[in-house]
Amino acid sequence: MIMDFWAFFIAILLLTMTPGLDTALVIRNTTRGGWKDGITCSLGICCGLFVHATMSAVGLSVVLVSSAELFTVVKTIGAIYLIWLGVQSIRSTFSHSQAIDTSSNKSLEAPSLKVSFKEGFLSNILNPKTAVFYLALLPQFINPEYSAFAQSLLMASIHFVIAMIWQGGVALLVEKAKQLMSSSVVKNRIERVTGAVLVMLGVNLLVSK
């Protein structure tokens, strides 16, 4: 049903495997709460893809792209949210340093899976670049003989599966690395680095045109 399926598949595969915001957020959540949090964060990110696919299919993305004011508002909200996540990640490492039980090397409080899902979902739907990408990419593979809406959701589903496999693998690798480097100092440094990356991505989104 999708025109040039393999071209679409390769484009989505390359997009998913390119390091960026999604990868940084999954690494950050896995470092913070374990592989379950990382995969749940990935699930939130991937569920956001259906929002963008729906917006693209019904033309809302066109409104977003054509309105400079609306695009700026969404971009600013998304950038501030990323910066907030990064700052929270960095701040938490200092509180973890005081809250960690040296005998068990575990923090006193772990984040809920609901929080990880929400962070992934919001970071995705508040990223206007994803909306623009879907608007630019999906129509190229729409077969006019079939429903544009159904095809958009199908392509989002394919992206969902690819992204879940890739990001889930990243989460498991990070979890394995955490076990090999069980020192709380190492974990805190990893979380600070990913937090700094989120802040930089947020600032880049804020100043981008």
N, C-alpha and C. Protein backbone atom coordinates (compact mmCIF):
# COMPACT_ATOMS: atom_id res chain seq x y z
N MET A 1 0.83 -1.20 0.00
CA MET A 1 0.00 0.00 0.00
C MET A 1 0.86 1.26 0.00
N ILE A 2 1.99 1.24 0.74
CA ILE A 2 2.90 2.39 0.78
C ILE A 2 3.76 2.40 -0.48
N MET A 3 3.86 3.55 -1.13
CA MET A 3 4.71 3.68 -2.30
C MET A 3 6.17 3.69 -1.86
N ASP A 4 7.03 2.98 -2.63
CA ASP A 4 8.47 2.92 -2.34
C ASP A 4 8.72 2.55 -0.89
N PHE A 5 8.18 1.40 -0.49
CA PHE A 5 8.26 0.98 0.92
C PHE A 5 9.70 0.92 1.42
N TRP A 6 10.59 0.33 0.63
CA TRP A 6 11.96 0.13 1.11
C TRP A 6 12.71 1.46 1.25
N ALA A 7 12.39 2.41 0.39
CA ALA A 7 12.99 3.74 0.53
C ALA A 7 12.55 4.38 1.84
N PHE A 8 11.26 4.23 2.15
CA PHE A 8 10.73 4.75 3.41
C PHE A 8 11.38 4.04 4.59
N PHE A 9 11.49 2.72 4.50
CA PHE A 9 12.05 1.91 5.58
C PHE A 9 13.49 2.33 5.88
N ILE A 10 14.29 2.51 4.84
CA ILE A 10 15.69 2.89 5.02
C ILE A 10 15.79 4.30 5.62
N ALA A 11 14.93 5.22 5.15
CA ALA A 11 14.94 6.59 5.67
C ALA A 11 14.61 6.60 7.16
N ILE A 12 13.59 5.85 7.56
CA ILE A 12 13.20 5.79 8.97
C ILE A 12 14.26 5.10 9.80
N LEU A 13 14.86 4.06 9.25
CA LEU A 13 15.91 3.32 9.97
C LEU A 13 17.10 4.23 10.26
N LEU A 14 17.53 4.99 9.25
CA LEU A 14 18.66 5.90 9.43
C LEU A 14 18.31 7.01 10.42
N LEU A 15 17.09 7.51 10.31
CA LEU A 15 16.65 8.56 11.24
C LEU A 15 16.68 8.06 12.68
N THR A 16 16.18 6.84 12.89
CA THR A 16 16.09 6.28 14.24
C THR A 16 17.47 6.02 14.84
N MET A 17 18.40 5.54 14.01
CA MET A 17 19.72 5.17 14.50
C MET A 17 20.66 6.36 14.67
N THR A 18 20.27 7.52 14.14
CA THR A 18 21.11 8.71 14.30
C THR A 18 20.99 9.23 15.73
N PRO A 19 22.10 9.36 16.45
CA PRO A 19 22.03 9.85 17.84
C PRO A 19 21.40 11.25 17.91
N GLY A 20 20.53 11.41 18.88
CA GLY A 20 19.85 12.70 19.03
C GLY A 20 19.11 12.77 20.34
N LEU A 21 18.06 13.56 20.36
CA LEU A 21 17.29 13.79 21.58
C LEU A 21 16.73 12.49 22.15
N ASP A 22 16.10 11.67 21.30
CA ASP A 22 15.46 10.44 21.78
C ASP A 22 16.47 9.52 22.45
N THR A 23 17.63 9.34 21.80
CA THR A 23 18.67 8.48 22.35
C THR A 23 19.17 9.02 23.68
N ALA A 24 19.40 10.33 23.74
CA ALA A 24 19.89 10.95 24.98
C ALA A 24 18.89 10.78 26.11
N LEU A 25 17.60 10.92 25.79
CA LEU A 25 16.58 10.81 26.83
C LEU A 25 16.46 9.38 27.34
N VAL A 26 16.56 8.40 26.44
CA VAL A 26 16.50 6.99 26.84
C VAL A 26 17.69 6.64 27.72
N ILE A 27 18.88 7.11 27.33
CA ILE A 27 20.09 6.85 28.13
C ILE A 27 19.95 7.49 29.50
N ARG A 28 19.46 8.71 29.53
CA ARG A 28 19.29 9.43 30.79
C ARG A 28 18.33 8.70 31.73
N ASN A 29 17.18 8.24 31.20
CA ASN A 29 16.19 7.57 32.04
C ASN A 29 16.66 6.19 32.48
N THR A 30 17.40 5.50 31.61
CA THR A 30 17.94 4.18 31.99
C THR A 30 18.97 4.33 33.09
N THR A 31 19.83 5.33 32.96
CA THR A 31 20.85 5.59 33.99
C THR A 31 20.19 5.95 35.31
N ARG A 32 19.10 6.69 35.22
CA ARG A 32 18.41 7.16 36.42
C ARG A 32 17.62 6.06 37.12
N GLY A 33 16.88 5.25 36.34
CA GLY A 33 15.96 4.31 36.97
C GLY A 33 16.07 2.86 36.53
N GLY A 34 16.92 2.55 35.55
CA GLY A 34 17.04 1.16 35.10
C GLY A 34 16.43 0.95 33.72
N TRP A 35 16.57 -0.27 33.20
CA TRP A 35 16.15 -0.56 31.83
C TRP A 35 14.64 -0.41 31.64
N LYS A 36 13.86 -0.70 32.68
CA LYS A 36 12.41 -0.54 32.56
C LYS A 36 12.03 0.92 32.31
N ASP A 37 12.72 1.82 33.00
CA ASP A 37 12.45 3.24 32.80
C ASP A 37 12.88 3.69 31.40
N GLY A 38 14.00 3.14 30.94
CA GLY A 38 14.48 3.47 29.60
C GLY A 38 13.51 3.02 28.52
N ILE A 39 13.02 1.79 28.63
CA ILE A 39 12.10 1.25 27.64
C ILE A 39 10.74 1.96 27.74
N THR A 40 10.30 2.29 28.96
CA THR A 40 9.04 3.01 29.12
C THR A 40 9.14 4.41 28.53
N CYS A 41 10.30 5.05 28.71
CA CYS A 41 10.54 6.35 28.09
C CYS A 41 10.47 6.22 26.57
N SER A 42 11.09 5.17 26.02
CA SER A 42 11.04 4.91 24.58
C SER A 42 9.61 4.71 24.12
N LEU A 43 8.81 4.01 24.92
CA LEU A 43 7.40 3.80 24.58
C LEU A 43 6.66 5.13 24.48
N GLY A 44 6.94 6.04 25.42
CA GLY A 44 6.32 7.36 25.37
C GLY A 44 6.73 8.12 24.13
N ILE A 45 8.02 8.07 23.79
CA ILE A 45 8.53 8.73 22.59
C ILE A 45 7.82 8.19 21.36
N CYS A 46 7.74 6.87 21.27
CA CYS A 46 7.17 6.23 20.08
C CYS A 46 5.66 6.46 19.97
N CYS A 47 4.97 6.55 21.10
CA CYS A 47 3.53 6.85 21.05
C CYS A 47 3.30 8.25 20.50
N GLY A 48 4.24 9.14 20.75
CA GLY A 48 4.14 10.49 20.21
C GLY A 48 4.18 10.52 18.69
N LEU A 49 4.76 9.49 18.08
CA LEU A 49 4.84 9.44 16.61
C LEU A 49 3.45 9.40 15.99
N PHE A 50 2.50 8.74 16.65
CA PHE A 50 1.15 8.65 16.12
C PHE A 50 0.45 10.02 16.15
N VAL A 51 0.83 10.84 17.13
CA VAL A 51 0.29 12.20 17.19
C VAL A 51 0.76 12.99 15.97
N HIS A 52 2.06 12.89 15.68
CA HIS A 52 2.61 13.61 14.53
C HIS A 52 2.06 13.07 13.21
N ALA A 53 1.87 11.75 13.13
CA ALA A 53 1.32 11.16 11.91
C ALA A 53 -0.11 11.64 11.68
N THR A 54 -0.88 11.70 12.76
CA THR A 54 -2.26 12.18 12.66
C THR A 54 -2.30 13.65 12.25
N MET A 55 -1.45 14.46 12.87
CA MET A 55 -1.39 15.87 12.53
C MET A 55 -1.01 16.06 11.06
N SER A 56 -0.06 15.26 10.60
CA SER A 56 0.36 15.37 9.20
C SER A 56 -0.77 14.98 8.26
N ALA A 57 -1.50 13.92 8.64
CA ALA A 57 -2.57 13.42 7.77
C ALA A 57 -3.72 14.41 7.66
N VAL A 58 -4.05 15.07 8.75
CA VAL A 58 -5.20 15.98 8.72
C VAL A 58 -4.80 17.42 8.41
N GLY A 59 -3.50 17.65 8.22
CA GLY A 59 -3.06 18.97 7.78
C GLY A 59 -2.69 19.93 8.88
N LEU A 60 -2.71 19.48 10.14
CA LEU A 60 -2.38 20.40 11.22
C LEU A 60 -0.91 20.82 11.16
N SER A 61 -0.06 19.92 10.67
CA SER A 61 1.35 20.26 10.57
C SER A 61 1.58 21.39 9.57
N VAL A 62 0.71 21.44 8.55
CA VAL A 62 0.81 22.52 7.58
C VAL A 62 0.58 23.87 8.26
N VAL A 63 -0.40 23.89 9.15
CA VAL A 63 -0.69 25.12 9.90
C VAL A 63 0.50 25.49 10.77
N LEU A 64 1.10 24.49 11.41
CA LEU A 64 2.23 24.72 12.29
C LEU A 64 3.41 25.29 11.51
N VAL A 65 3.67 24.74 10.33
CA VAL A 65 4.79 25.18 9.52
C VAL A 65 4.53 26.54 8.91
N SER A 66 3.31 26.79 8.48
CA SER A 66 2.98 28.04 7.79
C SER A 66 2.86 29.23 8.74
N SER A 67 2.62 28.96 10.02
CA SER A 67 2.49 30.04 11.00
C SER A 67 3.79 30.17 11.79
N ALA A 68 4.54 31.22 11.52
CA ALA A 68 5.82 31.43 12.21
C ALA A 68 5.60 31.62 13.70
N GLU A 69 4.52 32.31 14.07
CA GLU A 69 4.25 32.57 15.48
C GLU A 69 3.94 31.28 16.23
N LEU A 70 3.07 30.44 15.63
CA LEU A 70 2.70 29.18 16.28
C LEU A 70 3.91 28.26 16.38
N PHE A 71 4.70 28.21 15.31
CA PHE A 71 5.89 27.36 15.31
C PHE A 71 6.84 27.81 16.43
N THR A 72 7.01 29.11 16.57
CA THR A 72 7.92 29.64 17.60
C THR A 72 7.42 29.30 19.00
N VAL A 73 6.11 29.39 19.21
CA VAL A 73 5.53 29.06 20.52
C VAL A 73 5.79 27.60 20.86
N VAL A 74 5.47 26.70 19.92
CA VAL A 74 5.67 25.27 20.17
C VAL A 74 7.15 24.96 20.37
N LYS A 75 8.01 25.57 19.54
CA LYS A 75 9.44 25.35 19.64
C LYS A 75 9.97 25.82 20.99
N THR A 76 9.50 26.97 21.45
CA THR A 76 9.96 27.51 22.73
C THR A 76 9.53 26.63 23.89
N ILE A 77 8.28 26.18 23.86
CA ILE A 77 7.79 25.28 24.92
C ILE A 77 8.61 23.99 24.94
N GLY A 78 8.84 23.41 23.76
CA GLY A 78 9.61 22.18 23.68
C GLY A 78 11.03 22.37 24.16
N ALA A 79 11.66 23.49 23.79
CA ALA A 79 13.04 23.75 24.19
C ALA A 79 13.15 23.93 25.69
N ILE A 80 12.22 24.69 26.27
CA ILE A 80 12.23 24.91 27.72
C ILE A 80 12.03 23.59 28.46
N TYR A 81 11.17 22.73 27.91
CA TYR A 81 10.93 21.43 28.55
C TYR A 81 12.20 20.57 28.55
N LEU A 82 12.92 20.58 27.42
CA LEU A 82 14.18 19.81 27.34
C LEU A 82 15.21 20.36 28.32
N ILE A 83 15.34 21.67 28.36
CA ILE A 83 16.30 22.28 29.28
C ILE A 83 15.94 21.94 30.72
N TRP A 84 14.64 21.96 31.02
CA TRP A 84 14.18 21.62 32.37
C TRP A 84 14.53 20.17 32.71
N LEU A 85 14.32 19.26 31.76
CA LEU A 85 14.67 17.85 32.00
C LEU A 85 16.17 17.70 32.25
N GLY A 86 16.97 18.41 31.45
CA GLY A 86 18.42 18.32 31.62
C GLY A 86 18.87 18.86 32.96
N VAL A 87 18.33 20.00 33.36
CA VAL A 87 18.69 20.59 34.65
C VAL A 87 18.26 19.69 35.79
N GLN A 88 17.05 19.12 35.69
CA GLN A 88 16.57 18.21 36.72
C GLN A 88 17.47 16.99 36.82
N SER A 89 17.93 16.50 35.68
CA SER A 89 18.82 15.34 35.66
C SER A 89 20.13 15.65 36.36
N ILE A 90 20.70 16.81 36.08
CA ILE A 90 21.96 17.20 36.70
C ILE A 90 21.78 17.41 38.20
N ARG A 91 20.70 18.11 38.57
CA ARG A 91 20.44 18.37 39.99
C ARG A 91 20.23 17.08 40.78
N SER A 92 19.57 16.11 40.16
CA SER A 92 19.28 14.87 40.87
C SER A 92 20.53 14.10 41.25
N THR A 93 21.61 14.27 40.45
CA THR A 93 22.84 13.53 40.75
C THR A 93 23.46 14.01 42.06
N PHE A 94 23.29 15.30 42.38
CA PHE A 94 23.84 15.82 43.64
C PHE A 94 23.01 15.33 44.83
N SER A 95 21.68 15.25 44.66
CA SER A 95 20.85 14.72 45.74
C SER A 95 21.06 13.22 45.90
N HIS A 96 21.31 12.52 44.76
CA HIS A 96 21.58 11.08 44.83
C HIS A 96 22.86 10.83 45.61
N SER A 97 23.83 11.71 45.43
CA SER A 97 25.11 11.52 46.10
C SER A 97 24.94 11.51 47.61
N GLN A 98 23.94 12.26 48.11
CA GLN A 98 23.68 12.32 49.53
C GLN A 98 22.72 11.22 49.98
N ALA A 99 21.84 10.76 49.04
CA ALA A 99 20.80 9.81 49.43
C ALA A 99 21.19 8.36 49.25
N ILE A 100 22.30 8.11 48.56
CA ILE A 100 22.67 6.72 48.26
C ILE A 100 23.17 6.01 49.52
N ASP A 101 22.68 4.84 49.72
CA ASP A 101 23.14 3.98 50.82
C ASP A 101 24.41 3.29 50.38
N THR A 102 25.52 3.57 51.01
CA THR A 102 26.80 3.04 50.55
C THR A 102 26.88 1.53 50.67
N SER A 103 26.07 0.93 51.50
CA SER A 103 26.10 -0.52 51.64
C SER A 103 25.40 -1.23 50.50
N SER A 104 24.34 -0.63 49.96
CA SER A 104 23.60 -1.26 48.87
C SER A 104 23.84 -0.56 47.56
N ASN A 105 24.39 0.67 47.59
CA ASN A 105 24.70 1.45 46.40
C ASN A 105 23.48 1.73 45.54
N LYS A 106 22.33 1.92 46.22
CA LYS A 106 21.08 2.21 45.51
C LYS A 106 20.49 3.49 46.07
N SER A 107 19.85 4.25 45.22
CA SER A 107 19.22 5.48 45.69
C SER A 107 17.96 5.13 46.47
N LEU A 108 17.57 6.08 47.34
CA LEU A 108 16.44 5.81 48.22
C LEU A 108 15.12 5.82 47.48
N GLU A 109 15.07 6.53 46.37
CA GLU A 109 13.80 6.66 45.69
C GLU A 109 14.00 6.53 44.18
N ALA A 110 13.24 5.71 43.53
CA ALA A 110 13.34 5.53 42.08
C ALA A 110 12.14 6.19 41.41
N PRO A 111 12.34 6.76 40.22
CA PRO A 111 11.22 7.40 39.53
C PRO A 111 10.20 6.37 39.06
N SER A 112 8.97 6.80 38.92
CA SER A 112 7.92 5.88 38.47
C SER A 112 7.97 5.72 36.97
N LEU A 113 7.45 4.61 36.48
CA LEU A 113 7.40 4.37 35.04
C LEU A 113 6.48 5.38 34.37
N LYS A 114 5.47 5.84 35.09
CA LYS A 114 4.55 6.84 34.54
C LYS A 114 5.28 8.12 34.21
N VAL A 115 6.22 8.51 35.07
CA VAL A 115 7.01 9.72 34.84
C VAL A 115 7.88 9.54 33.60
N SER A 116 8.50 8.38 33.46
CA SER A 116 9.36 8.11 32.30
C SER A 116 8.56 8.15 31.01
N PHE A 117 7.37 7.57 31.02
CA PHE A 117 6.52 7.59 29.83
C PHE A 117 6.13 9.02 29.48
N LYS A 118 5.73 9.78 30.48
CA LYS A 118 5.30 11.17 30.25
C LYS A 118 6.44 12.01 29.68
N GLU A 119 7.63 11.83 30.23
CA GLU A 119 8.77 12.61 29.74
C GLU A 119 9.08 12.28 28.28
N GLY A 120 9.03 11.00 27.93
CA GLY A 120 9.27 10.62 26.54
C GLY A 120 8.20 11.13 25.60
N PHE A 121 6.94 11.01 26.02
CA PHE A 121 5.82 11.43 25.18
C PHE A 121 5.83 12.94 24.96
N LEU A 122 6.01 13.70 26.04
CA LEU A 122 5.99 15.16 25.92
C LEU A 122 7.18 15.67 25.11
N SER A 123 8.35 15.07 25.31
CA SER A 123 9.52 15.53 24.56
C SER A 123 9.32 15.33 23.06
N ASN A 124 8.57 14.29 22.69
CA ASN A 124 8.33 14.02 21.28
C ASN A 124 7.29 14.94 20.68
N ILE A 125 6.15 15.06 21.33
CA ILE A 125 5.07 15.86 20.73
C ILE A 125 5.35 17.36 20.81
N LEU A 126 6.26 17.77 21.72
CA LEU A 126 6.61 19.19 21.82
C LEU A 126 7.80 19.56 20.94
N ASN A 127 8.27 18.59 20.16
CA ASN A 127 9.38 18.86 19.25
C ASN A 127 8.83 19.19 17.86
N PRO A 128 8.79 20.46 17.46
CA PRO A 128 8.20 20.82 16.17
C PRO A 128 9.00 20.27 14.99
N LYS A 129 10.28 19.96 15.23
CA LYS A 129 11.09 19.41 14.14
C LYS A 129 10.58 18.04 13.71
N THR A 130 10.04 17.28 14.66
CA THR A 130 9.46 15.99 14.32
C THR A 130 8.21 16.18 13.47
N ALA A 131 7.41 17.18 13.81
CA ALA A 131 6.21 17.48 13.03
C ALA A 131 6.58 17.88 11.60
N VAL A 132 7.61 18.72 11.48
CA VAL A 132 8.06 19.15 10.16
C VAL A 132 8.61 17.97 9.36
N PHE A 133 9.35 17.10 10.04
CA PHE A 133 9.91 15.93 9.37
C PHE A 133 8.81 15.02 8.83
N TYR A 134 7.81 14.77 9.67
CA TYR A 134 6.70 13.92 9.22
C TYR A 134 5.95 14.56 8.07
N LEU A 135 5.78 15.87 8.14
CA LEU A 135 5.08 16.56 7.07
C LEU A 135 5.85 16.49 5.76
N ALA A 136 7.18 16.55 5.86
CA ALA A 136 8.01 16.51 4.65
C ALA A 136 8.17 15.09 4.11
N LEU A 137 8.24 14.11 5.01
CA LEU A 137 8.56 12.74 4.59
C LEU A 137 7.34 11.93 4.18
N LEU A 138 6.34 11.87 5.05
CA LEU A 138 5.23 10.96 4.83
C LEU A 138 4.50 11.17 3.50
N PRO A 139 4.20 12.42 3.11
CA PRO A 139 3.46 12.60 1.84
C PRO A 139 4.17 12.03 0.62
N GLN A 140 5.50 11.91 0.68
CA GLN A 140 6.25 11.38 -0.45
C GLN A 140 5.95 9.90 -0.70
N PHE A 141 5.45 9.22 0.32
CA PHE A 141 5.21 7.78 0.21
C PHE A 141 3.71 7.45 0.25
N ILE A 142 2.87 8.46 0.22
CA ILE A 142 1.43 8.23 0.22
C ILE A 142 0.96 7.77 -1.15
N ASN A 143 0.26 6.65 -1.18
CA ASN A 143 -0.34 6.14 -2.41
C ASN A 143 -1.72 6.76 -2.55
N PRO A 144 -1.95 7.56 -3.61
CA PRO A 144 -3.24 8.27 -3.75
C PRO A 144 -4.44 7.35 -3.91
N GLU A 145 -4.17 6.06 -4.18
CA GLU A 145 -5.28 5.12 -4.36
C GLU A 145 -5.87 4.66 -3.02
N TYR A 146 -5.19 4.97 -1.93
CA TYR A 146 -5.65 4.51 -0.62
C TYR A 146 -5.76 5.70 0.34
N SER A 147 -6.30 5.43 1.51
CA SER A 147 -6.51 6.47 2.51
C SER A 147 -5.17 7.04 3.00
N ALA A 148 -5.04 8.36 2.93
CA ALA A 148 -3.83 9.02 3.40
C ALA A 148 -3.68 8.86 4.91
N PHE A 149 -4.81 8.92 5.62
CA PHE A 149 -4.77 8.79 7.07
C PHE A 149 -4.30 7.40 7.49
N ALA A 150 -4.86 6.37 6.85
CA ALA A 150 -4.48 4.99 7.17
C ALA A 150 -3.01 4.74 6.86
N GLN A 151 -2.54 5.27 5.73
CA GLN A 151 -1.15 5.08 5.36
C GLN A 151 -0.21 5.82 6.32
N SER A 152 -0.61 7.00 6.78
CA SER A 152 0.20 7.75 7.73
C SER A 152 0.34 6.99 9.05
N LEU A 153 -0.76 6.40 9.51
CA LEU A 153 -0.71 5.61 10.74
C LEU A 153 0.12 4.34 10.54
N LEU A 154 0.03 3.75 9.35
CA LEU A 154 0.82 2.56 9.06
C LEU A 154 2.32 2.88 9.09
N MET A 155 2.69 4.01 8.49
CA MET A 155 4.10 4.41 8.49
C MET A 155 4.58 4.74 9.89
N ALA A 156 3.70 5.37 10.68
CA ALA A 156 4.04 5.66 12.08
C ALA A 156 4.22 4.35 12.86
N SER A 157 3.41 3.34 12.54
CA SER A 157 3.52 2.04 13.20
C SER A 157 4.85 1.37 12.88
N ILE A 158 5.27 1.47 11.64
CA ILE A 158 6.57 0.91 11.23
C ILE A 158 7.69 1.64 11.97
N HIS A 159 7.59 2.96 12.02
CA HIS A 159 8.57 3.76 12.76
C HIS A 159 8.56 3.38 14.24
N PHE A 160 7.37 3.15 14.78
CA PHE A 160 7.20 2.75 16.18
C PHE A 160 7.99 1.47 16.48
N VAL A 161 7.82 0.46 15.64
CA VAL A 161 8.49 -0.83 15.86
C VAL A 161 10.00 -0.68 15.77
N ILE A 162 10.47 0.02 14.73
CA ILE A 162 11.91 0.20 14.54
C ILE A 162 12.52 0.96 15.72
N ALA A 163 11.85 2.04 16.13
CA ALA A 163 12.37 2.87 17.22
C ALA A 163 12.36 2.12 18.55
N MET A 164 11.31 1.33 18.80
CA MET A 164 11.24 0.58 20.05
C MET A 164 12.36 -0.46 20.12
N ILE A 165 12.63 -1.13 19.00
CA ILE A 165 13.70 -2.13 18.97
C ILE A 165 15.05 -1.47 19.21
N TRP A 166 15.29 -0.35 18.51
CA TRP A 166 16.58 0.33 18.62
C TRP A 166 16.76 0.94 20.01
N GLN A 167 15.79 1.71 20.46
CA GLN A 167 15.92 2.38 21.74
C GLN A 167 15.88 1.39 22.91
N GLY A 168 15.09 0.30 22.74
CA GLY A 168 15.08 -0.74 23.76
C GLY A 168 16.45 -1.39 23.87
N GLY A 169 17.10 -1.60 22.72
CA GLY A 169 18.46 -2.14 22.73
C GLY A 169 19.44 -1.21 23.41
N VAL A 170 19.28 0.10 23.16
CA VAL A 170 20.13 1.09 23.82
C VAL A 170 19.94 1.03 25.34
N ALA A 171 18.68 0.93 25.77
CA ALA A 171 18.39 0.86 27.21
C ALA A 171 19.04 -0.37 27.85
N LEU A 172 18.96 -1.50 27.18
CA LEU A 172 19.55 -2.72 27.73
C LEU A 172 21.07 -2.64 27.77
N LEU A 173 21.68 -2.02 26.75
CA LEU A 173 23.13 -1.86 26.74
C LEU A 173 23.59 -0.93 27.86
N VAL A 174 22.85 0.14 28.07
CA VAL A 174 23.18 1.08 29.16
C VAL A 174 23.03 0.38 30.50
N GLU A 175 21.98 -0.43 30.65
CA GLU A 175 21.77 -1.16 31.90
C GLU A 175 22.92 -2.13 32.16
N LYS A 176 23.38 -2.78 31.09
CA LYS A 176 24.51 -3.72 31.22
C LYS A 176 25.76 -2.96 31.61
N ALA A 177 25.96 -1.79 31.02
CA ALA A 177 27.13 -0.98 31.35
C ALA A 177 27.06 -0.52 32.80
N LYS A 178 25.86 -0.22 33.28
CA LYS A 178 25.69 0.19 34.68
C LYS A 178 26.11 -0.94 35.63
N GLN A 179 25.79 -2.16 35.25
CA GLN A 179 26.15 -3.30 36.10
C GLN A 179 27.66 -3.51 36.13
N LEU A 180 28.31 -3.25 34.99
CA LEU A 180 29.76 -3.40 34.92
C LEU A 180 30.47 -2.26 35.65
N MET A 181 29.81 -1.08 35.64
CA MET A 181 30.38 0.09 36.32
C MET A 181 29.43 0.47 37.44
N SER A 182 29.40 -0.32 38.49
CA SER A 182 28.39 -0.16 39.53
C SER A 182 28.65 1.03 40.44
N SER A 183 29.77 1.70 40.29
CA SER A 183 30.09 2.83 41.14
C SER A 183 29.05 3.94 40.97
N SER A 184 28.55 4.45 42.09
CA SER A 184 27.57 5.53 42.03
C SER A 184 28.17 6.78 41.40
N VAL A 185 29.48 6.97 41.54
CA VAL A 185 30.15 8.13 40.95
C VAL A 185 30.05 8.07 39.43
N VAL A 186 30.28 6.88 38.87
CA VAL A 186 30.19 6.70 37.42
C VAL A 186 28.77 6.95 36.94
N LYS A 187 27.80 6.41 37.65
CA LYS A 187 26.40 6.59 37.27
C LYS A 187 26.02 8.07 37.28
N ASN A 188 26.45 8.78 38.32
CA ASN A 188 26.15 10.20 38.41
C ASN A 188 26.78 10.98 37.27
N ARG A 189 27.99 10.60 36.90
CA ARG A 189 28.67 11.30 35.81
C ARG A 189 27.95 11.07 34.48
N ILE A 190 27.49 9.82 34.26
CA ILE A 190 26.74 9.53 33.04
C ILE A 190 25.47 10.36 32.98
N GLU A 191 24.77 10.43 34.12
CA GLU A 191 23.51 11.19 34.15
C GLU A 191 23.77 12.69 33.97
N ARG A 192 24.89 13.17 34.50
CA ARG A 192 25.21 14.59 34.31
C ARG A 192 25.51 14.89 32.85
N VAL A 193 26.22 13.97 32.20
CA VAL A 193 26.55 14.16 30.79
C VAL A 193 25.28 14.18 29.94
N THR A 194 24.39 13.20 30.17
CA THR A 194 23.15 13.16 29.39
C THR A 194 22.27 14.36 29.72
N GLY A 195 22.30 14.80 30.98
CA GLY A 195 21.56 16.00 31.34
C GLY A 195 22.08 17.22 30.60
N ALA A 196 23.41 17.32 30.51
CA ALA A 196 24.01 18.44 29.78
C ALA A 196 23.66 18.38 28.30
N VAL A 197 23.62 17.16 27.75
CA VAL A 197 23.24 16.99 26.34
C VAL A 197 21.81 17.47 26.11
N LEU A 198 20.90 17.13 27.03
CA LEU A 198 19.51 17.57 26.91
C LEU A 198 19.41 19.09 26.97
N VAL A 199 20.19 19.70 27.86
CA VAL A 199 20.19 21.16 27.94
C VAL A 199 20.69 21.77 26.63
N MET A 200 21.77 21.21 26.08
CA MET A 200 22.32 21.73 24.82
C MET A 200 21.34 21.55 23.66
N LEU A 201 20.65 20.40 23.64
CA LEU A 201 19.65 20.18 22.59
C LEU A 201 18.50 21.16 22.73
N GLY A 202 18.11 21.44 23.97
CA GLY A 202 17.05 22.41 24.20
C GLY A 202 17.45 23.81 23.76
N VAL A 203 18.68 24.20 24.10
CA VAL A 203 19.18 25.52 23.69
C VAL A 203 19.27 25.59 22.17
N ASN A 204 19.75 24.50 21.55
CA ASN A 204 19.85 24.48 20.08
C ASN A 204 18.49 24.62 19.44
N LEU A 205 17.49 23.95 20.00
CA LEU A 205 16.13 24.07 19.49
C LEU A 205 15.60 25.48 19.70
N LEU A 206 15.95 26.09 20.80
CA LEU A 206 15.47 27.43 21.13
C LEU A 206 16.01 28.48 20.16
N VAL A 207 17.26 28.34 19.77
CA VAL A 207 17.88 29.36 18.92
C VAL A 207 17.77 29.04 17.43
N SER A 208 17.34 27.82 17.11
CA SER A 208 17.25 27.43 15.70
C SER A 208 16.11 28.17 15.01
N LYS A 209 16.25 28.33 13.70
CA LYS A 209 15.23 29.03 12.92
C LYS A 209 14.72 28.11 11.82
